[in-house]
Amino acid sequence: MAIEKFQATGRRKTAVARVFLSAGEGKITVNGRAFENYFPTEVLRVCIREPLAATQTAAKFNVSANVTGGGTAGQAEAIRLAIARALIKADDSLRVNLKSAGFLSRDPRMKERKKYGQKGARRRFQWTKR
């Protein structure tokens, strides 16, 4: 009998996270490191644990995440989305709880590109009269 793993992908800004859920005691690793070492602030750690806390499954699954791109906040939110998607694959009855908490919606906001003839995405160069 093989150990069942549930895999899902989450994205936020330019961060992409692949998460693997397996039966366990609630250990979370990110890129092979303990997530307490990977994410410096408690806010980001709470963000990652939210789907597990909302469904009372924190002690049932071990979470292993591979994440690339973006910054720490974008990576944390990408992992949160991936965990929520993987929980649904593990148990479809959790969908209602996760959906009402807003963990299944992908945040589409991205950085707007810089345009030519401008200093940034919207900022113009200063106009000089003389």
N, C-alpha and C. Protein backbone atom coordinates (compact mmCIF):
# COMPACT_ATOMS: atom_id res chain seq x y z
N MET A 1 0.85 -1.19 0.00
CA MET A 1 0.00 0.00 0.00
C MET A 1 0.88 1.24 0.00
N ALA A 2 0.72 2.08 -1.00
CA ALA A 2 1.55 3.28 -1.13
C ALA A 2 0.95 4.42 -0.30
N ILE A 3 1.84 5.26 0.20
CA ILE A 3 1.40 6.45 0.93
C ILE A 3 0.82 7.44 -0.08
N GLU A 4 -0.39 7.90 0.18
CA GLU A 4 -1.05 8.78 -0.76
C GLU A 4 -0.60 10.22 -0.57
N LYS A 5 -0.20 10.85 -1.68
CA LYS A 5 0.20 12.26 -1.67
C LYS A 5 -0.75 13.03 -2.55
N PHE A 6 -1.08 14.25 -2.10
CA PHE A 6 -1.95 15.11 -2.88
C PHE A 6 -1.13 16.32 -3.30
N GLN A 7 -1.10 16.58 -4.61
CA GLN A 7 -0.27 17.66 -5.14
C GLN A 7 -1.15 18.74 -5.74
N ALA A 8 -0.75 20.02 -5.52
CA ALA A 8 -1.50 21.14 -6.10
C ALA A 8 -0.54 22.30 -6.34
N THR A 9 -0.95 23.20 -7.21
CA THR A 9 -0.15 24.37 -7.56
C THR A 9 -0.88 25.63 -7.19
N GLY A 10 -0.13 26.61 -6.68
CA GLY A 10 -0.69 27.92 -6.35
C GLY A 10 0.19 29.01 -6.90
N ARG A 11 -0.42 30.12 -7.31
CA ARG A 11 0.35 31.24 -7.86
C ARG A 11 -0.11 32.55 -7.23
N ARG A 12 0.83 33.50 -7.11
CA ARG A 12 0.53 34.85 -6.63
C ARG A 12 1.62 35.76 -7.13
N LYS A 13 1.25 36.86 -7.81
CA LYS A 13 2.21 37.76 -8.45
C LYS A 13 3.12 36.93 -9.35
N THR A 14 4.42 36.87 -9.10
CA THR A 14 5.28 36.04 -9.95
C THR A 14 5.75 34.78 -9.22
N ALA A 15 5.19 34.50 -8.05
CA ALA A 15 5.58 33.31 -7.28
C ALA A 15 4.73 32.11 -7.70
N VAL A 16 5.38 30.95 -7.80
CA VAL A 16 4.69 29.71 -8.13
C VAL A 16 5.06 28.68 -7.07
N ALA A 17 4.05 28.05 -6.48
CA ALA A 17 4.28 27.08 -5.41
C ALA A 17 3.66 25.74 -5.78
N ARG A 18 4.45 24.66 -5.60
CA ARG A 18 3.94 23.30 -5.73
C ARG A 18 3.92 22.71 -4.33
N VAL A 19 2.77 22.21 -3.93
CA VAL A 19 2.61 21.69 -2.56
C VAL A 19 2.24 20.22 -2.63
N PHE A 20 2.85 19.44 -1.73
CA PHE A 20 2.55 18.02 -1.59
C PHE A 20 2.03 17.78 -0.18
N LEU A 21 0.80 17.26 -0.07
CA LEU A 21 0.22 16.90 1.23
C LEU A 21 0.35 15.40 1.40
N SER A 22 0.81 14.98 2.57
CA SER A 22 0.85 13.56 2.89
C SER A 22 0.41 13.39 4.34
N ALA A 23 -0.09 12.22 4.66
CA ALA A 23 -0.55 11.97 6.03
C ALA A 23 0.63 12.12 6.98
N GLY A 24 0.38 12.82 8.09
CA GLY A 24 1.46 13.05 9.04
C GLY A 24 0.99 13.80 10.27
N GLU A 25 1.93 14.46 10.92
CA GLU A 25 1.64 15.12 12.20
C GLU A 25 1.61 16.64 12.11
N GLY A 26 1.71 17.22 10.92
CA GLY A 26 1.59 18.67 10.78
C GLY A 26 2.89 19.39 10.53
N LYS A 27 3.89 18.70 10.04
CA LYS A 27 5.19 19.33 9.76
C LYS A 27 5.12 20.05 8.41
N ILE A 28 5.66 21.28 8.35
CA ILE A 28 5.65 22.06 7.12
C ILE A 28 7.09 22.37 6.72
N THR A 29 7.47 21.99 5.48
CA THR A 29 8.79 22.32 4.96
C THR A 29 8.63 23.08 3.66
N VAL A 30 9.49 24.08 3.46
CA VAL A 30 9.49 24.89 2.25
C VAL A 30 10.88 24.83 1.65
N ASN A 31 10.98 24.35 0.41
CA ASN A 31 12.26 24.20 -0.29
C ASN A 31 13.29 23.43 0.56
N GLY A 32 12.83 22.40 1.24
CA GLY A 32 13.71 21.56 2.03
C GLY A 32 14.09 22.13 3.39
N ARG A 33 13.59 23.31 3.74
CA ARG A 33 13.88 23.92 5.03
C ARG A 33 12.61 24.00 5.86
N ALA A 34 12.78 24.05 7.19
CA ALA A 34 11.61 24.25 8.07
C ALA A 34 11.03 25.62 7.76
N PHE A 35 9.71 25.71 7.70
CA PHE A 35 9.14 26.97 7.24
C PHE A 35 9.30 28.08 8.26
N GLU A 36 9.62 27.76 9.52
CA GLU A 36 9.93 28.80 10.51
C GLU A 36 11.23 29.51 10.13
N ASN A 37 12.15 28.79 9.49
CA ASN A 37 13.41 29.40 9.05
C ASN A 37 13.25 30.11 7.71
N TYR A 38 12.36 29.62 6.86
CA TYR A 38 12.23 30.18 5.51
C TYR A 38 11.47 31.50 5.52
N PHE A 39 10.39 31.57 6.30
CA PHE A 39 9.60 32.80 6.37
C PHE A 39 9.92 33.55 7.65
N PRO A 40 10.44 34.78 7.55
CA PRO A 40 10.96 35.49 8.72
C PRO A 40 9.90 36.01 9.68
N THR A 41 8.71 36.34 9.19
CA THR A 41 7.72 36.97 10.05
C THR A 41 6.58 36.02 10.40
N GLU A 42 5.98 36.27 11.56
CA GLU A 42 4.87 35.44 12.03
C GLU A 42 3.63 35.63 11.15
N VAL A 43 3.47 36.82 10.56
CA VAL A 43 2.31 37.10 9.70
C VAL A 43 2.30 36.14 8.51
N LEU A 44 3.45 35.92 7.90
CA LEU A 44 3.52 35.02 6.74
C LEU A 44 3.29 33.57 7.15
N ARG A 45 3.77 33.20 8.34
CA ARG A 45 3.56 31.83 8.82
C ARG A 45 2.08 31.57 9.10
N VAL A 46 1.39 32.56 9.67
CA VAL A 46 -0.04 32.44 9.94
C VAL A 46 -0.80 32.34 8.62
N CYS A 47 -0.37 33.13 7.62
CA CYS A 47 -1.00 33.12 6.30
C CYS A 47 -0.96 31.71 5.70
N ILE A 48 0.17 31.03 5.85
CA ILE A 48 0.32 29.69 5.28
C ILE A 48 -0.55 28.67 6.03
N ARG A 49 -0.68 28.83 7.34
CA ARG A 49 -1.44 27.87 8.15
C ARG A 49 -2.96 28.08 8.06
N GLU A 50 -3.43 29.19 7.50
CA GLU A 50 -4.86 29.52 7.51
C GLU A 50 -5.76 28.42 6.95
N PRO A 51 -5.49 27.85 5.75
CA PRO A 51 -6.39 26.80 5.25
C PRO A 51 -6.43 25.57 6.15
N LEU A 52 -5.30 25.23 6.75
CA LEU A 52 -5.25 24.08 7.65
C LEU A 52 -6.04 24.36 8.92
N ALA A 53 -5.95 25.59 9.43
CA ALA A 53 -6.67 25.96 10.64
C ALA A 53 -8.18 26.04 10.39
N ALA A 54 -8.56 26.55 9.22
CA ALA A 54 -9.98 26.70 8.90
C ALA A 54 -10.68 25.35 8.77
N THR A 55 -9.93 24.33 8.39
CA THR A 55 -10.52 23.01 8.20
C THR A 55 -10.16 22.02 9.32
N GLN A 56 -9.47 22.49 10.35
CA GLN A 56 -9.03 21.65 11.48
C GLN A 56 -8.26 20.42 11.01
N THR A 57 -7.38 20.60 10.03
CA THR A 57 -6.58 19.49 9.51
C THR A 57 -5.09 19.71 9.73
N ALA A 58 -4.71 20.64 10.61
CA ALA A 58 -3.30 20.98 10.81
C ALA A 58 -2.49 19.79 11.31
N ALA A 59 -3.07 18.94 12.13
CA ALA A 59 -2.34 17.79 12.70
C ALA A 59 -2.47 16.53 11.85
N LYS A 60 -3.21 16.58 10.76
CA LYS A 60 -3.45 15.39 9.95
C LYS A 60 -2.48 15.25 8.77
N PHE A 61 -1.92 16.37 8.30
CA PHE A 61 -1.11 16.35 7.09
C PHE A 61 0.27 16.97 7.31
N ASN A 62 1.27 16.39 6.64
CA ASN A 62 2.56 17.03 6.49
C ASN A 62 2.54 17.78 5.16
N VAL A 63 3.10 18.99 5.15
CA VAL A 63 3.10 19.82 3.95
C VAL A 63 4.53 20.01 3.49
N SER A 64 4.78 19.68 2.23
CA SER A 64 6.08 19.93 1.61
C SER A 64 5.85 20.84 0.41
N ALA A 65 6.53 22.00 0.40
CA ALA A 65 6.30 22.98 -0.66
C ALA A 65 7.59 23.31 -1.38
N ASN A 66 7.50 23.42 -2.70
CA ASN A 66 8.58 23.94 -3.53
C ASN A 66 8.07 25.24 -4.12
N VAL A 67 8.78 26.33 -3.87
CA VAL A 67 8.31 27.63 -4.32
C VAL A 67 9.43 28.39 -4.99
N THR A 68 9.09 29.06 -6.12
CA THR A 68 10.08 29.86 -6.85
C THR A 68 9.46 31.20 -7.23
N GLY A 69 10.30 32.18 -7.45
CA GLY A 69 9.89 33.48 -7.94
C GLY A 69 9.25 34.35 -6.88
N GLY A 70 9.17 35.63 -7.17
CA GLY A 70 8.50 36.58 -6.29
C GLY A 70 9.24 36.84 -5.00
N GLY A 71 8.57 37.51 -4.09
CA GLY A 71 9.12 37.81 -2.77
C GLY A 71 8.49 36.92 -1.73
N THR A 72 8.79 37.19 -0.47
CA THR A 72 8.31 36.31 0.59
C THR A 72 6.79 36.36 0.73
N ALA A 73 6.19 37.54 0.61
CA ALA A 73 4.73 37.65 0.76
C ALA A 73 4.01 36.92 -0.38
N GLY A 74 4.48 37.12 -1.61
CA GLY A 74 3.88 36.43 -2.75
C GLY A 74 4.04 34.93 -2.65
N GLN A 75 5.19 34.48 -2.17
CA GLN A 75 5.42 33.05 -2.02
C GLN A 75 4.50 32.45 -0.95
N ALA A 76 4.32 33.18 0.15
CA ALA A 76 3.45 32.69 1.23
C ALA A 76 2.01 32.55 0.74
N GLU A 77 1.53 33.53 -0.02
CA GLU A 77 0.16 33.47 -0.51
C GLU A 77 0.00 32.41 -1.60
N ALA A 78 1.05 32.16 -2.38
CA ALA A 78 1.00 31.09 -3.37
C ALA A 78 0.92 29.73 -2.67
N ILE A 79 1.66 29.56 -1.58
CA ILE A 79 1.62 28.32 -0.82
C ILE A 79 0.24 28.14 -0.19
N ARG A 80 -0.35 29.23 0.31
CA ARG A 80 -1.69 29.16 0.92
C ARG A 80 -2.72 28.65 -0.09
N LEU A 81 -2.68 29.19 -1.32
CA LEU A 81 -3.62 28.75 -2.35
C LEU A 81 -3.39 27.28 -2.71
N ALA A 82 -2.13 26.88 -2.82
CA ALA A 82 -1.81 25.50 -3.17
C ALA A 82 -2.26 24.52 -2.07
N ILE A 83 -2.08 24.91 -0.81
CA ILE A 83 -2.53 24.05 0.29
C ILE A 83 -4.05 23.88 0.25
N ALA A 84 -4.76 24.97 -0.01
CA ALA A 84 -6.22 24.90 -0.08
C ALA A 84 -6.67 23.98 -1.21
N ARG A 85 -6.00 24.08 -2.36
CA ARG A 85 -6.36 23.22 -3.50
C ARG A 85 -6.04 21.76 -3.22
N ALA A 86 -4.92 21.51 -2.54
CA ALA A 86 -4.54 20.13 -2.23
C ALA A 86 -5.48 19.52 -1.18
N LEU A 87 -5.97 20.34 -0.24
CA LEU A 87 -6.91 19.84 0.76
C LEU A 87 -8.20 19.36 0.11
N ILE A 88 -8.63 20.05 -0.94
CA ILE A 88 -9.84 19.64 -1.66
C ILE A 88 -9.63 18.29 -2.35
N LYS A 89 -8.41 18.10 -2.89
CA LYS A 89 -8.12 16.80 -3.51
C LYS A 89 -8.12 15.69 -2.46
N ALA A 90 -7.69 16.02 -1.25
CA ALA A 90 -7.67 15.03 -0.18
C ALA A 90 -9.08 14.72 0.33
N ASP A 91 -9.90 15.78 0.50
CA ASP A 91 -11.26 15.60 1.01
C ASP A 91 -12.16 16.67 0.40
N ASP A 92 -13.04 16.25 -0.50
CA ASP A 92 -13.88 17.20 -1.24
C ASP A 92 -14.90 17.91 -0.36
N SER A 93 -15.21 17.37 0.82
CA SER A 93 -16.19 18.01 1.70
C SER A 93 -15.65 19.29 2.34
N LEU A 94 -14.34 19.52 2.26
CA LEU A 94 -13.74 20.74 2.81
C LEU A 94 -13.92 21.95 1.90
N ARG A 95 -14.40 21.72 0.67
CA ARG A 95 -14.51 22.79 -0.32
C ARG A 95 -15.39 23.94 0.15
N VAL A 96 -16.53 23.64 0.74
CA VAL A 96 -17.48 24.68 1.18
C VAL A 96 -16.82 25.60 2.20
N ASN A 97 -16.11 25.01 3.16
CA ASN A 97 -15.45 25.77 4.21
C ASN A 97 -14.33 26.66 3.64
N LEU A 98 -13.52 26.10 2.74
CA LEU A 98 -12.41 26.85 2.14
C LEU A 98 -12.91 27.95 1.21
N LYS A 99 -13.97 27.66 0.46
CA LYS A 99 -14.52 28.63 -0.48
C LYS A 99 -15.11 29.83 0.27
N SER A 100 -15.84 29.58 1.35
CA SER A 100 -16.46 30.67 2.11
C SER A 100 -15.40 31.52 2.80
N ALA A 101 -14.25 30.93 3.15
CA ALA A 101 -13.16 31.70 3.77
C ALA A 101 -12.34 32.46 2.74
N GLY A 102 -12.54 32.16 1.45
CA GLY A 102 -11.85 32.89 0.38
C GLY A 102 -10.47 32.37 0.04
N PHE A 103 -10.18 31.11 0.38
CA PHE A 103 -8.85 30.56 0.14
C PHE A 103 -8.70 29.93 -1.25
N LEU A 104 -9.79 29.83 -1.99
CA LEU A 104 -9.72 29.18 -3.30
C LEU A 104 -9.66 30.15 -4.47
N SER A 105 -9.70 31.45 -4.18
CA SER A 105 -9.66 32.42 -5.27
C SER A 105 -8.23 32.89 -5.48
N ARG A 106 -7.78 32.84 -6.72
CA ARG A 106 -6.43 33.26 -7.06
C ARG A 106 -6.43 34.78 -7.18
N ASP A 107 -5.51 35.44 -6.51
CA ASP A 107 -5.42 36.90 -6.54
C ASP A 107 -4.76 37.30 -7.86
N PRO A 108 -5.49 37.95 -8.78
CA PRO A 108 -4.94 38.20 -10.12
C PRO A 108 -4.04 39.43 -10.22
N ARG A 109 -3.88 40.18 -9.12
CA ARG A 109 -3.11 41.42 -9.21
C ARG A 109 -1.64 41.16 -9.49
N MET A 110 -1.14 41.78 -10.56
CA MET A 110 0.25 41.64 -10.95
C MET A 110 0.85 43.04 -11.09
N LYS A 111 2.17 43.09 -11.14
CA LYS A 111 2.84 44.37 -11.33
C LYS A 111 2.59 44.83 -12.76
N GLU A 112 2.22 46.11 -12.91
CA GLU A 112 1.97 46.67 -14.23
C GLU A 112 3.31 46.99 -14.89
N ARG A 113 3.41 46.72 -16.18
CA ARG A 113 4.68 46.91 -16.86
C ARG A 113 5.00 48.39 -17.08
N LYS A 114 6.28 48.69 -17.14
CA LYS A 114 6.75 50.04 -17.43
C LYS A 114 6.51 50.32 -18.92
N LYS A 115 6.03 51.56 -19.21
CA LYS A 115 5.80 51.94 -20.60
C LYS A 115 6.94 52.83 -21.09
N TYR A 116 7.21 52.77 -22.39
CA TYR A 116 8.27 53.60 -22.97
C TYR A 116 7.85 55.06 -22.91
N GLY A 117 8.81 55.95 -22.78
CA GLY A 117 8.53 57.38 -22.69
C GLY A 117 8.03 57.80 -21.31
N GLN A 118 8.07 56.88 -20.35
CA GLN A 118 7.63 57.18 -18.99
C GLN A 118 8.67 56.65 -18.00
N LYS A 119 8.59 57.20 -16.79
CA LYS A 119 9.54 56.80 -15.75
C LYS A 119 9.18 55.43 -15.16
N GLY A 120 7.90 55.10 -15.13
CA GLY A 120 7.44 53.83 -14.59
C GLY A 120 6.20 53.38 -15.33
N ALA A 121 5.33 52.63 -14.64
CA ALA A 121 4.11 52.14 -15.27
C ALA A 121 3.17 53.30 -15.58
N ARG A 122 3.05 54.24 -14.65
CA ARG A 122 2.15 55.39 -14.85
C ARG A 122 2.84 56.72 -14.66
N ARG A 123 3.94 56.73 -13.92
CA ARG A 123 4.66 57.96 -13.62
C ARG A 123 5.32 58.50 -14.88
N ARG A 124 5.03 59.81 -15.18
CA ARG A 124 5.66 60.45 -16.33
C ARG A 124 6.96 61.13 -15.90
N PHE A 125 7.79 61.47 -16.89
CA PHE A 125 8.94 62.31 -16.59
C PHE A 125 8.44 63.71 -16.28
N GLN A 126 9.20 64.45 -15.47
CA GLN A 126 8.77 65.80 -15.09
C GLN A 126 8.78 66.71 -16.31
N TRP A 127 7.70 67.49 -16.43
CA TRP A 127 7.58 68.41 -17.57
C TRP A 127 8.25 69.73 -17.22
N THR A 128 9.08 70.21 -18.13
CA THR A 128 9.72 71.50 -17.89
C THR A 128 9.21 72.50 -18.92
N LYS A 129 8.86 73.70 -18.42
CA LYS A 129 8.30 74.71 -19.31
C LYS A 129 9.39 75.36 -20.15
N ARG A 130 10.57 75.62 -19.56
CA ARG A 130 11.66 76.26 -20.32
C ARG A 130 12.94 75.46 -20.22
